[in-house]
């Protein structure tokens, strides 16, 4: 009872602040099972994100136990006289304050009290999950049934609602499309506080709006994710383990590297690799300085020992082949060898390992733990993610990898192609208008260790120079996890999709309550300040 009285007191304070007149019994409609927190530690946590470049404090933090809790809060914001911003926050991995809510309320979706566990349908091959569920927990739940989602992100400690609000991509996207192409339906709380279930054939306008919609049209409280059989390897007749073959090979020629990547994603049917990514190496030193603990090469290679032929820049193709129930090491060896024979990598540069499926998918978390132990995780992350059209990727290589970037990158630089026909153009995501486009992800960390090349100022300046280079040379890039500061920039980003994007905003969040940290629309209410 004491806890409920404290909650009602907190809600009353919020109502007084926003200037909403309610009958005392109406306060109960806001709910008594949730937790509306004004605690300083909650406020401070919600004011930061993974980017650590911007601090914006909300007025309060909601820890919901259900979609109703989310709906009641959003409805309160929508119906109040002055209104207030509401932003959903998962694991806090936005980069530029996208999940922040200045003087509003942040809904802490991940780690919420009382959330329900993932529910798997073996027969229909899907899993229903809470919007704040982390992908690592989705994986653990589905593997109990020998199933797994089809499409992933490289890092699994992200929320389902968070990645679906952007797209969700990794090395499986060339085959299965992004995560938003593998969703049967979602439950959404709109900017009016309405709880709506939507799918391709049910409330489809809202469904397509929220897929990659940057949180502008609704908060995803439940998602139904498509599943497939997880990779399995037979070990002792009846004992099966989830396992993959992980391979890396090196290139000194960018054209050879991209030719092979594009060839691999063009294959249909079997055999083919199940995951295709790559990364750029411009740092001098050992090449396997990232994700390296899974590989144990007997003779580590140095960039300087290879005639890179392009300013000491190397390119690493990263691929996997899944084991399945009736495939042993011999058959995997044969399929992998047949595929590798068609590639033009540097001879003797093959790195191979077999490892559990979970360990591969969760590989970045292992790197995270190492960085945390060295105090190098909670630092500024001026990340820049770009979709680059295939026709201009060679120009990007010359201008950026061999031009703007120096020999200290302070983090991985990913590059891999995707097939546009695996993306649904009806969603809110924008990609280059070519059949194949590349993700280039500069995932760099700013370090104040005395090296000027690694400072936040230097890395941010390089990001600006890269964007200016792309703009001046009409490269036609689109930002993934986009960050723009003016509505004109957002209009340019969405291009011909802008009128539809705007129309959807007016329909589903007419007061511009949701995800104001994205800076796409000005709120239609007066920003509140604390009076307590």
Protein backbone atom coordinates (compact mmCIF):
# COMPACT_ATOMS: atom_id res chain seq x y z
CA UNK A 1 0.00 0.00 0.00
CA UNK A 2 2.84 2.40 0.83
CA UNK A 3 4.38 1.83 -2.59
CA UNK A 4 1.05 2.57 -4.29
CA UNK A 5 0.64 5.78 -2.31
CA UNK A 6 4.14 6.87 -3.33
CA UNK A 7 3.28 6.11 -6.96
CA UNK A 8 0.05 8.11 -6.81
CA UNK A 9 1.97 10.97 -5.25
CA UNK A 10 4.46 10.90 -8.12
CA UNK A 11 1.68 10.86 -10.69
CA UNK A 12 -0.04 13.78 -8.99
CA UNK A 13 3.21 15.74 -9.16
CA UNK A 14 3.45 14.99 -12.88
CA UNK A 15 -0.15 16.04 -13.45
CA UNK A 16 0.38 19.30 -11.60
CA UNK A 17 3.48 20.02 -13.69
CA UNK A 18 1.76 19.42 -17.03
CA UNK A 19 -1.31 21.37 -16.05
CA UNK A 20 -3.84 18.59 -16.56
CA UNK A 21 -7.11 18.73 -14.67
CA UNK A 22 -8.30 15.28 -13.60
CA UNK A 23 -10.84 13.94 -11.19
CA UNK A 24 -9.03 12.12 -8.35
CA UNK A 25 -10.46 8.77 -9.46
CA UNK A 26 -9.06 9.35 -12.96
CA UNK A 27 -5.58 9.25 -11.51
CA UNK A 28 -6.08 5.52 -11.02
CA UNK A 29 -6.36 5.16 -14.79
CA UNK A 30 -2.67 5.94 -15.04
CA UNK A 31 -2.11 2.61 -13.29
CA UNK A 32 -0.72 1.42 -9.99
CA UNK A 33 1.44 -1.45 -11.19
CA UNK A 34 3.97 0.72 -12.99
CA UNK A 35 6.80 2.76 -11.55
CA UNK A 36 7.03 6.45 -12.33
CA UNK A 37 10.39 7.45 -10.93
CA UNK A 38 11.81 10.86 -10.05
CA UNK A 39 14.88 9.20 -8.56
CA UNK A 40 18.15 10.99 -9.39
CA UNK A 41 19.93 7.80 -10.44
CA UNK A 42 17.11 6.97 -12.86
CA UNK A 43 17.11 10.52 -14.22
CA UNK A 44 20.88 10.53 -14.71
CA UNK A 45 20.87 7.11 -16.38
CA UNK A 46 18.16 8.18 -18.84
CA UNK A 47 20.00 11.42 -19.60
CA UNK A 48 22.95 9.55 -21.16
CA UNK A 49 23.29 7.10 -24.02
CA UNK A 50 26.04 4.99 -25.56
CA UNK A 51 27.27 7.93 -27.61
CA UNK A 52 28.13 9.86 -24.43
CA UNK A 53 28.24 13.07 -26.41
CA UNK A 54 25.03 14.63 -25.16
CA UNK A 55 23.33 14.87 -21.77
CA UNK A 56 19.63 15.74 -21.59
CA UNK A 57 17.64 15.15 -18.42
CA UNK A 58 14.02 14.00 -18.47
CA UNK A 59 11.54 15.01 -15.80
CA UNK A 60 10.82 11.41 -14.84
CA UNK A 61 11.40 7.80 -15.87
CA UNK A 62 8.66 5.22 -16.28
CA UNK A 63 9.39 1.53 -15.69
CA UNK A 64 6.35 -0.10 -17.33
CA UNK A 65 4.99 -3.54 -16.56
CA UNK A 66 2.69 -3.68 -19.59
CA UNK A 67 1.55 -1.93 -22.75
CA UNK A 68 -1.24 -0.38 -20.69
CA UNK A 69 1.30 1.45 -18.56
CA UNK A 70 2.91 2.87 -21.70
CA UNK A 71 -0.48 3.76 -23.17
CA UNK A 72 -1.68 5.53 -20.03
CA UNK A 73 1.40 7.71 -19.86
CA UNK A 74 1.33 8.65 -23.57
CA UNK A 75 -2.39 9.36 -23.36
CA UNK A 76 -1.72 11.63 -20.41
CA UNK A 77 0.87 13.54 -22.47
CA UNK A 78 -1.46 13.73 -25.48
CA UNK A 79 -4.51 14.94 -23.55
CA UNK A 80 -2.79 17.32 -21.14
CA UNK A 81 -3.08 21.07 -21.59
CA UNK A 82 0.63 21.66 -22.10
CA UNK A 83 1.83 18.24 -23.17
CA UNK A 84 5.26 16.72 -22.60
CA UNK A 85 7.77 14.66 -24.55
CA UNK A 86 7.83 10.88 -24.26
CA UNK A 87 10.69 8.71 -25.50
CA UNK A 88 11.16 4.96 -25.32
CA UNK A 89 14.61 3.76 -24.22
CA UNK A 90 15.87 0.22 -24.57
CA UNK A 91 19.44 -0.58 -23.57
CA UNK A 92 20.49 3.03 -24.17
CA UNK A 93 22.58 2.41 -27.30
CA UNK A 94 21.59 5.46 -29.29
CA UNK A 95 24.49 7.70 -30.25
CA UNK A 96 23.23 11.28 -30.45
CA UNK A 97 20.55 11.51 -27.77
CA UNK A 98 17.77 10.03 -29.91
CA UNK A 99 16.07 8.36 -26.92
CA UNK A 100 16.29 11.39 -24.64
CA UNK A 101 13.28 13.50 -23.64
CA UNK A 102 14.09 17.01 -22.46
CA UNK A 103 11.92 17.77 -19.42
CA UNK A 104 9.64 14.91 -20.46
CA UNK A 105 9.38 11.25 -19.53
CA UNK A 106 11.66 8.46 -20.69
CA UNK A 107 10.03 5.03 -20.77
CA UNK A 108 12.67 2.52 -19.75
CA UNK A 109 11.56 -0.49 -21.81
CA UNK A 110 14.50 -2.80 -21.14
CA UNK A 111 14.81 -4.25 -17.66
CA UNK A 112 11.25 -3.19 -16.86
CA UNK A 113 9.71 -4.69 -13.79
CA UNK A 114 7.12 -7.39 -14.35
CA UNK A 115 7.70 -7.85 -18.11
CA UNK A 116 6.61 -11.15 -19.60
CA UNK A 117 8.99 -13.73 -21.06
CA UNK A 118 9.28 -14.54 -24.77
CA UNK A 119 6.59 -16.96 -25.99
CA UNK A 120 7.64 -19.35 -28.75
CA UNK A 121 5.30 -21.05 -31.22
CA UNK A 122 7.17 -24.11 -32.54
CA UNK A 123 4.39 -24.94 -34.97
CA UNK A 124 4.11 -21.49 -36.54
CA UNK A 125 7.81 -20.67 -36.16
CA UNK A 126 7.62 -17.33 -34.39
CA UNK A 127 8.31 -15.79 -31.01
CA UNK A 128 6.31 -13.04 -29.27
CA UNK A 129 8.53 -10.70 -27.27
CA UNK A 130 8.21 -7.56 -25.18
CA UNK A 131 9.49 -4.47 -27.00
CA UNK A 132 12.20 -3.95 -24.40
CA UNK A 133 13.48 -7.52 -24.58
CA UNK A 134 17.17 -7.79 -25.46
CA UNK A 135 18.06 -9.88 -28.49
CA UNK A 136 20.44 -12.01 -26.43
CA UNK A 137 17.49 -13.10 -24.29
CA UNK A 138 15.35 -13.73 -27.38
CA UNK A 139 18.10 -16.01 -28.69
CA UNK A 140 18.39 -17.94 -25.43
CA UNK A 141 14.62 -18.43 -25.30
CA UNK A 142 14.22 -19.64 -28.88
CA UNK A 143 17.23 -22.00 -28.77
CA UNK A 144 15.39 -24.03 -26.15
CA UNK A 145 13.15 -25.09 -29.04
CA UNK A 146 15.97 -25.48 -31.58
CA UNK A 147 14.90 -22.24 -33.29
CA UNK A 148 16.39 -18.79 -33.81
CA UNK A 149 15.52 -15.50 -35.51
CA UNK A 150 16.69 -15.22 -39.10
CA UNK A 151 18.27 -11.77 -39.08
CA UNK A 152 20.47 -10.20 -36.43
CA UNK A 153 22.50 -7.20 -35.40
CA UNK A 154 26.20 -7.57 -34.61
CA UNK A 155 25.58 -6.72 -30.95
CA UNK A 156 22.84 -8.61 -29.11
CA UNK A 157 22.46 -6.41 -26.04
CA UNK A 158 20.05 -4.17 -27.91
CA UNK A 159 16.28 -4.06 -27.47
CA UNK A 160 13.86 -5.51 -29.99
CA UNK A 161 11.88 -2.28 -30.22
CA UNK A 162 15.07 -0.27 -30.63
CA UNK A 163 16.47 -2.21 -33.58
CA UNK A 164 13.08 -2.50 -35.30
CA UNK A 165 12.73 1.28 -35.03
CA UNK A 166 15.87 1.59 -37.15
CA UNK A 167 16.03 -1.59 -39.30
CA UNK A 168 18.39 -4.05 -37.61
CA UNK A 169 21.20 -5.28 -39.85
CA UNK A 170 24.11 -7.69 -39.83
CA UNK A 171 25.77 -10.15 -42.17
CA UNK A 172 22.55 -12.14 -42.67
CA UNK A 173 20.73 -9.15 -44.21
CA UNK A 174 21.84 -9.96 -47.77
CA UNK A 175 19.83 -13.18 -47.54
CA UNK A 176 17.01 -12.55 -45.07
CA UNK A 177 16.80 -8.78 -45.24
CA UNK A 178 16.99 -6.56 -42.15
CA UNK A 179 15.21 -7.49 -38.95
CA UNK A 180 12.20 -5.39 -39.98
CA UNK A 181 11.73 -7.74 -42.95
CA UNK A 182 11.30 -10.64 -40.52
CA UNK A 183 8.45 -9.37 -38.35
CA UNK A 184 4.95 -10.84 -38.57
CA UNK A 185 3.22 -8.22 -36.44
CA UNK A 186 3.79 -5.64 -33.73
CA UNK A 187 1.78 -4.08 -30.94
CA UNK A 188 2.25 -0.33 -30.90
CA UNK A 189 1.26 2.53 -28.61
CA UNK A 190 0.70 5.53 -30.88
CA UNK A 191 1.31 9.18 -30.02
CA UNK A 192 -2.37 9.37 -29.03
CA UNK A 193 -1.97 6.61 -26.45
CA UNK A 194 -3.87 4.04 -28.54
CA UNK A 195 -2.74 0.41 -28.35
CA UNK A 196 -2.84 -1.02 -31.87
CA UNK A 197 -1.87 -4.43 -33.24
CA UNK A 198 -0.64 -4.12 -36.80
CA UNK A 199 0.86 -6.24 -39.56
CA UNK A 200 1.23 -6.33 -43.35
CA UNK A 201 -2.50 -7.02 -43.69
CA UNK A 202 -3.81 -5.31 -40.56
CA UNK A 203 -3.43 -1.59 -39.85
CA UNK A 204 -0.68 -1.79 -42.46
CA UNK A 205 -0.05 1.97 -42.64
CA UNK A 206 1.00 2.02 -38.98
CA UNK A 207 2.96 -1.22 -39.38
CA UNK A 208 5.05 0.15 -42.22
CA UNK A 209 5.42 3.49 -40.45
CA UNK A 210 6.93 2.06 -37.25
CA UNK A 211 9.28 -0.33 -39.10
CA UNK A 212 12.41 1.79 -39.25
CA UNK A 213 10.36 4.79 -38.12
CA UNK A 214 12.85 6.07 -35.52
CA UNK A 215 10.15 5.97 -32.84
CA UNK A 216 8.21 8.79 -34.53
CA UNK A 217 4.86 7.04 -34.88
CA UNK A 218 4.57 4.75 -31.90
CA UNK A 219 6.31 2.75 -29.21
CA UNK A 220 6.69 -0.96 -29.97
CA UNK A 221 5.49 -2.90 -26.93
CA UNK A 222 5.35 -6.36 -28.53
CA UNK A 223 6.81 -7.92 -31.67
CA UNK A 224 6.20 -11.28 -33.35
CA UNK A 225 9.52 -12.35 -34.86
CA UNK A 226 9.92 -15.01 -37.58
CA UNK A 227 12.10 -18.01 -36.67
CA UNK A 228 14.05 -20.72 -38.49
CA UNK A 229 15.82 -23.91 -37.35
CA UNK A 230 19.05 -23.03 -35.56
CA UNK A 231 22.32 -24.40 -36.97
CA UNK A 232 23.03 -27.86 -35.52
CA UNK A 233 25.97 -30.23 -35.68
CA UNK A 234 25.66 -33.89 -34.71
CA UNK A 235 28.43 -34.83 -32.26
CA UNK A 236 27.49 -38.16 -30.67
CA UNK A 237 24.63 -39.62 -32.74
CA UNK A 238 21.90 -38.10 -30.59
CA UNK A 239 23.77 -35.06 -29.23
CA UNK A 240 23.47 -31.92 -31.28
CA UNK A 241 25.26 -28.64 -30.70
CA UNK A 242 24.56 -25.31 -32.36
CA UNK A 243 27.69 -24.55 -34.36
CA UNK A 244 29.09 -22.46 -37.23
CA UNK A 245 32.30 -22.26 -39.25
CA UNK A 246 33.73 -18.73 -39.11
CA UNK A 247 36.23 -17.63 -41.76
CA UNK A 248 38.21 -14.49 -42.50
CA UNK A 249 40.35 -13.82 -45.56
CA UNK A 250 42.39 -10.78 -46.58
CA UNK A 251 42.50 -8.58 -49.69
CA UNK A 252 44.87 -5.84 -50.77
CA UNK A 253 42.69 -4.95 -53.78
CA UNK A 254 39.47 -3.09 -53.02
CA UNK A 255 37.95 -4.03 -56.37
CA UNK A 256 38.75 -7.69 -55.75
CA UNK A 257 37.29 -7.45 -52.25
CA UNK A 258 33.99 -5.88 -53.35
CA UNK A 259 33.73 -8.15 -56.40
CA UNK A 260 33.87 -11.20 -54.15
CA UNK A 261 31.43 -9.75 -51.61
CA UNK A 262 28.95 -8.95 -54.36
CA UNK A 263 29.39 -12.41 -55.88
CA UNK A 264 28.67 -14.09 -52.54
CA UNK A 265 25.45 -12.15 -51.91
CA UNK A 266 24.25 -12.92 -55.43
CA UNK A 267 24.17 -16.69 -54.86
CA UNK A 268 20.76 -18.30 -54.56
CA UNK A 269 20.03 -21.70 -53.11
CA UNK A 270 22.87 -23.89 -51.85
CA UNK A 271 25.74 -23.87 -51.35
CA UNK A 272 26.34 -20.34 -50.11
CA UNK A 273 27.63 -18.65 -47.00
CA UNK A 274 25.10 -17.73 -44.32
CA UNK A 275 26.75 -14.49 -43.25
CA UNK A 276 28.78 -12.01 -45.30
CA UNK A 277 30.48 -8.98 -43.77
CA UNK A 278 33.86 -7.33 -43.99
CA UNK A 279 36.03 -4.65 -42.49
CA UNK A 280 38.73 -2.20 -43.45
CA UNK A 281 42.16 -2.24 -41.84
CA UNK A 282 44.10 1.01 -42.00
CA UNK A 283 45.97 0.66 -38.70
CA UNK A 284 49.57 -0.56 -38.86
CA UNK A 285 50.16 -3.65 -36.72
CA UNK A 286 48.56 -7.04 -36.35
CA UNK A 287 45.52 -7.45 -38.56
CA UNK A 288 43.58 -9.57 -36.09
CA UNK A 289 43.34 -6.88 -33.45
CA UNK A 290 39.56 -6.97 -33.37
CA UNK A 291 37.36 -10.02 -32.62
CA UNK A 292 40.73 -11.80 -32.56
CA UNK A 293 40.41 -13.98 -29.48
CA UNK A 294 38.34 -16.52 -31.44
CA UNK A 295 41.20 -17.09 -33.90
CA UNK A 296 44.66 -18.42 -33.13
CA UNK A 297 46.80 -18.06 -36.26
CA UNK A 298 50.25 -19.63 -35.93
CA UNK A 299 51.90 -16.79 -37.85
CA UNK A 300 50.11 -13.45 -37.30
CA UNK A 301 50.34 -11.20 -40.35
CA UNK A 302 51.37 -7.56 -40.28
CA UNK A 303 50.07 -5.03 -42.76
CA UNK A 304 53.62 -3.98 -43.49
CA UNK A 305 54.47 -7.54 -44.57
CA UNK A 306 51.91 -7.40 -47.40
CA UNK A 307 52.11 -5.26 -50.50
CA UNK A 308 48.77 -3.57 -50.00
CA UNK A 309 49.24 -1.44 -53.09
CA UNK A 310 46.95 1.28 -51.79
CA UNK A 311 48.48 3.16 -48.93
CA UNK A 312 48.72 0.18 -46.57
CA UNK A 313 44.96 -0.39 -46.56
CA UNK A 314 43.74 -3.98 -46.29
CA UNK A 315 40.25 -5.42 -46.47
CA UNK A 316 39.01 -8.44 -44.57
CA UNK A 317 36.12 -10.57 -45.82
CA UNK A 318 34.26 -12.22 -42.95
CA UNK A 319 31.95 -15.14 -43.67
CA UNK A 320 30.28 -18.06 -41.91
CA UNK A 321 28.81 -21.39 -42.85
CA UNK A 322 26.19 -22.93 -40.58
CA UNK A 323 26.25 -26.56 -39.58
CA UNK A 324 22.94 -28.38 -39.87
CA UNK A 325 21.66 -31.64 -38.48
CA UNK A 326 23.07 -33.90 -41.18
CA UNK A 327 26.19 -31.88 -42.04
CA UNK A 328 29.47 -32.98 -40.51
CA UNK A 329 32.92 -31.40 -40.68
CA UNK A 330 33.70 -33.17 -43.96
CA UNK A 331 30.70 -31.82 -45.84
CA UNK A 332 31.26 -28.35 -44.40
CA UNK A 333 34.90 -28.54 -45.46
CA UNK A 334 33.87 -29.42 -49.00
CA UNK A 335 31.26 -26.64 -49.30
CA UNK A 336 33.57 -24.02 -47.81
CA UNK A 337 36.49 -25.06 -50.01
CA UNK A 338 34.32 -24.96 -53.14
CA UNK A 339 33.18 -21.43 -52.31
CA UNK A 340 36.65 -20.17 -51.33
CA UNK A 341 38.13 -21.45 -54.58
CA UNK A 342 36.05 -18.88 -56.44
CA UNK A 343 37.43 -15.96 -54.41
CA UNK A 344 40.55 -13.88 -55.07
CA UNK A 345 41.92 -13.23 -51.58
CA UNK A 346 45.59 -13.08 -50.60
CA UNK A 347 46.96 -16.64 -50.54
CA UNK A 348 47.80 -17.87 -47.06
CA UNK A 349 45.56 -15.32 -45.34
CA UNK A 350 42.73 -17.67 -44.35
CA UNK A 351 41.67 -17.66 -40.70
CA UNK A 352 39.15 -20.35 -39.74
CA UNK A 353 37.49 -21.53 -36.55
CA UNK A 354 34.47 -23.61 -35.54
CA UNK A 355 32.55 -22.25 -32.60
CA UNK A 356 29.12 -22.43 -30.96
CA UNK A 357 26.39 -20.49 -32.73
CA UNK A 358 25.70 -18.41 -29.61
CA UNK A 359 29.37 -17.49 -29.25
CA UNK A 360 29.48 -16.26 -32.82
CA UNK A 361 26.32 -14.19 -32.57
CA UNK A 362 27.43 -12.80 -29.20
CA UNK A 363 31.02 -12.16 -30.30
CA UNK A 364 30.94 -8.40 -29.77
CA UNK A 365 29.90 -8.83 -26.13
CA UNK A 366 33.18 -10.62 -25.47
CA UNK A 367 35.01 -7.59 -26.83
CA UNK A 368 32.79 -5.36 -24.70
CA UNK A 369 33.84 -7.18 -21.51
CA UNK A 370 37.49 -6.68 -22.38
CA UNK A 371 36.98 -2.99 -23.07
CA UNK A 372 35.02 -2.56 -19.85
CA UNK A 373 37.83 -4.17 -17.88
CA UNK A 374 40.20 -1.54 -19.30
CA UNK A 375 37.81 1.37 -18.77
CA UNK A 376 37.43 1.83 -22.53
CA UNK A 377 33.70 1.13 -22.95
CA UNK A 378 32.03 4.13 -21.31
CA UNK A 379 33.71 6.68 -23.56
CA UNK A 380 32.31 8.92 -26.34
CA UNK A 381 31.35 7.02 -29.50
CA UNK A 382 31.11 9.36 -32.51
CA UNK A 383 29.84 6.60 -34.77
CA UNK A 384 28.94 7.20 -38.39
CA UNK A 385 26.89 4.64 -40.34
CA UNK A 386 26.28 5.14 -44.05
CA UNK A 387 24.47 3.30 -46.83
CA UNK A 388 26.62 3.76 -49.94
CA UNK A 389 25.38 2.87 -53.45
CA UNK A 390 27.33 0.10 -55.18
CA UNK A 391 28.12 2.34 -58.14
CA UNK A 392 30.08 4.76 -55.91
CA UNK A 393 31.71 2.46 -53.36
CA UNK A 394 35.08 2.61 -55.18
CA UNK A 395 34.98 6.43 -55.04
CA UNK A 396 34.23 6.20 -51.33
CA UNK A 397 37.24 3.92 -50.87
CA UNK A 398 39.56 6.38 -52.61
CA UNK A 399 38.21 9.44 -50.86
CA UNK A 400 37.73 8.05 -47.34
CA UNK A 401 39.64 4.81 -46.66
CA UNK A 402 42.67 5.93 -48.67
CA UNK A 403 42.11 9.64 -48.15
CA UNK A 404 40.43 11.21 -45.14
CA UNK A 405 41.21 8.46 -42.64
CA UNK A 406 44.65 8.36 -41.11
CA UNK A 407 46.41 5.29 -39.75
CA UNK A 408 44.69 5.43 -36.35
CA UNK A 409 41.03 4.47 -36.57
CA UNK A 410 40.18 3.92 -32.88
CA UNK A 411 37.62 1.24 -33.70
CA UNK A 412 36.35 -1.12 -36.37
CA UNK A 413 35.27 0.02 -39.82
CA UNK A 414 32.70 -2.37 -41.24
CA UNK A 415 31.82 -2.65 -44.91
CA UNK A 416 29.46 -5.13 -46.55
CA UNK A 417 26.82 -5.20 -49.31
CA UNK A 418 23.10 -5.92 -49.14
CA UNK A 419 20.41 -6.68 -51.70
CA UNK A 420 17.74 -4.01 -51.94
CA UNK A 421 15.06 -6.54 -52.94
CA UNK A 422 15.21 -7.86 -49.38
CA UNK A 423 13.99 -4.50 -48.06
CA UNK A 424 10.35 -3.39 -48.09
CA UNK A 425 10.12 0.08 -49.60
CA UNK A 426 6.82 0.69 -47.81
CA UNK A 427 8.65 0.98 -44.48
CA UNK A 428 10.08 4.26 -43.21
CA UNK A 429 13.72 3.35 -43.91
CA UNK A 430 15.50 5.06 -46.78
CA UNK A 431 18.29 3.36 -48.74
CA UNK A 432 20.16 4.22 -51.96
CA UNK A 433 18.13 3.54 -55.08
CA UNK A 434 20.32 0.75 -56.44
CA UNK A 435 19.92 -3.02 -56.47
CA UNK A 436 22.97 -3.41 -54.23
CA UNK A 437 24.20 -0.96 -51.61
CA UNK A 438 26.85 -1.11 -48.91
CA UNK A 439 26.85 -0.43 -45.21
CA UNK A 440 29.96 1.46 -44.15
CA UNK A 441 30.08 1.74 -40.38
CA UNK A 442 32.82 3.73 -38.68
CA UNK A 443 32.42 2.43 -35.12
CA UNK A 444 35.04 4.51 -33.42
CA UNK A 445 35.70 5.41 -29.79
CA UNK A 446 37.13 8.74 -28.65
CA UNK A 447 40.05 8.34 -26.26
CA UNK A 448 41.83 11.03 -24.29
CA UNK A 449 45.15 9.19 -24.11
CA UNK A 450 47.38 11.88 -25.51
CA UNK A 451 46.95 10.90 -29.16
CA UNK A 452 45.36 13.77 -31.06
CA UNK A 453 44.08 11.39 -33.76
CA UNK A 454 41.79 9.66 -31.24
CA UNK A 455 40.11 12.66 -29.60
CA UNK A 456 36.40 13.30 -29.90
CA UNK A 457 37.09 16.60 -31.66
CA UNK A 458 39.32 14.91 -34.27
CA UNK A 459 36.97 11.99 -34.94
CA UNK A 460 33.92 14.26 -35.14
CA UNK A 461 35.78 16.49 -37.59
CA UNK A 462 36.63 13.45 -39.74
CA UNK A 463 32.95 12.48 -39.75
CA UNK A 464 32.04 15.96 -41.01
CA UNK A 465 34.75 15.75 -43.69
CA UNK A 466 33.42 12.35 -44.81
CA UNK A 467 29.86 13.69 -45.10
CA UNK A 468 31.09 16.79 -46.93
CA UNK A 469 33.10 14.61 -49.31
CA UNK A 470 30.02 12.51 -50.07
CA UNK A 471 27.88 15.59 -50.59
CA UNK A 472 30.38 17.46 -52.78
CA UNK A 473 30.95 14.39 -54.95
CA UNK A 474 27.28 13.38 -55.14
CA UNK A 475 28.00 9.92 -53.73
CA UNK A 476 24.31 9.54 -52.82
CA UNK A 477 24.78 8.14 -49.32
CA UNK A 478 21.99 7.75 -46.77
CA UNK A 479 22.71 7.72 -43.08
CA UNK A 480 21.77 4.60 -41.13
CA UNK A 481 20.92 5.40 -37.50
CA UNK A 482 20.58 8.91 -38.93
CA UNK A 483 21.43 12.11 -37.12
CA UNK A 484 20.43 15.48 -38.53
CA UNK A 485 19.95 18.83 -36.82
CA UNK A 486 17.45 20.66 -39.03
CA UNK A 487 14.16 19.66 -40.59
CA UNK A 488 15.53 20.57 -44.02
CA UNK A 489 18.30 18.02 -43.52
CA UNK A 490 15.66 15.45 -42.57
CA UNK A 491 13.61 16.33 -45.65
CA UNK A 492 16.72 15.81 -47.78
CA UNK A 493 17.38 12.53 -46.00
CA UNK A 494 13.91 11.14 -46.74
CA UNK A 495 13.71 12.66 -50.20
CA UNK A 496 10.59 11.51 -52.03
CA UNK A 497 9.49 9.63 -48.90
CA UNK A 498 9.18 12.85 -46.88
CA UNK A 499 5.53 13.65 -47.76
CA UNK A 500 4.49 10.15 -46.66
CA UNK A 501 6.64 10.38 -43.52
CA UNK A 502 5.08 13.73 -42.63
CA UNK A 503 1.54 12.47 -43.30
CA UNK A 504 2.09 9.47 -41.06
CA UNK A 505 3.40 11.72 -38.29
CA UNK A 506 0.29 13.88 -38.45
CA UNK A 507 -1.89 10.77 -38.28
CA UNK A 508 -0.20 8.80 -35.52
CA UNK A 509 1.53 11.48 -33.40
CA UNK A 510 -0.15 14.79 -34.24
CA UNK A 511 1.21 16.61 -31.18
CA UNK A 512 4.79 15.49 -31.86
CA UNK A 513 5.07 13.90 -28.45
CA UNK A 514 7.21 10.88 -29.33
CA UNK A 515 10.98 10.60 -29.81
CA UNK A 516 11.68 14.31 -29.78
CA UNK A 517 15.38 13.55 -29.32
CA UNK A 518 15.53 12.71 -33.02
CA UNK A 519 15.01 16.43 -33.79
CA UNK A 520 12.79 15.72 -36.80
CA UNK A 521 9.68 17.64 -35.68
CA UNK A 522 9.25 20.53 -33.31
CA UNK A 523 6.93 19.61 -30.41
CA UNK A 524 3.54 21.27 -30.64
CA UNK A 525 3.57 22.00 -26.92
CA UNK A 526 5.56 24.30 -24.67
CA UNK A 527 8.59 22.59 -23.17
CA UNK A 528 8.20 22.16 -19.44
CA UNK A 529 10.66 23.12 -16.77
CA UNK A 530 10.88 21.69 -13.30
CA UNK A 531 8.94 23.58 -10.65
CA UNK A 532 9.77 21.26 -7.82
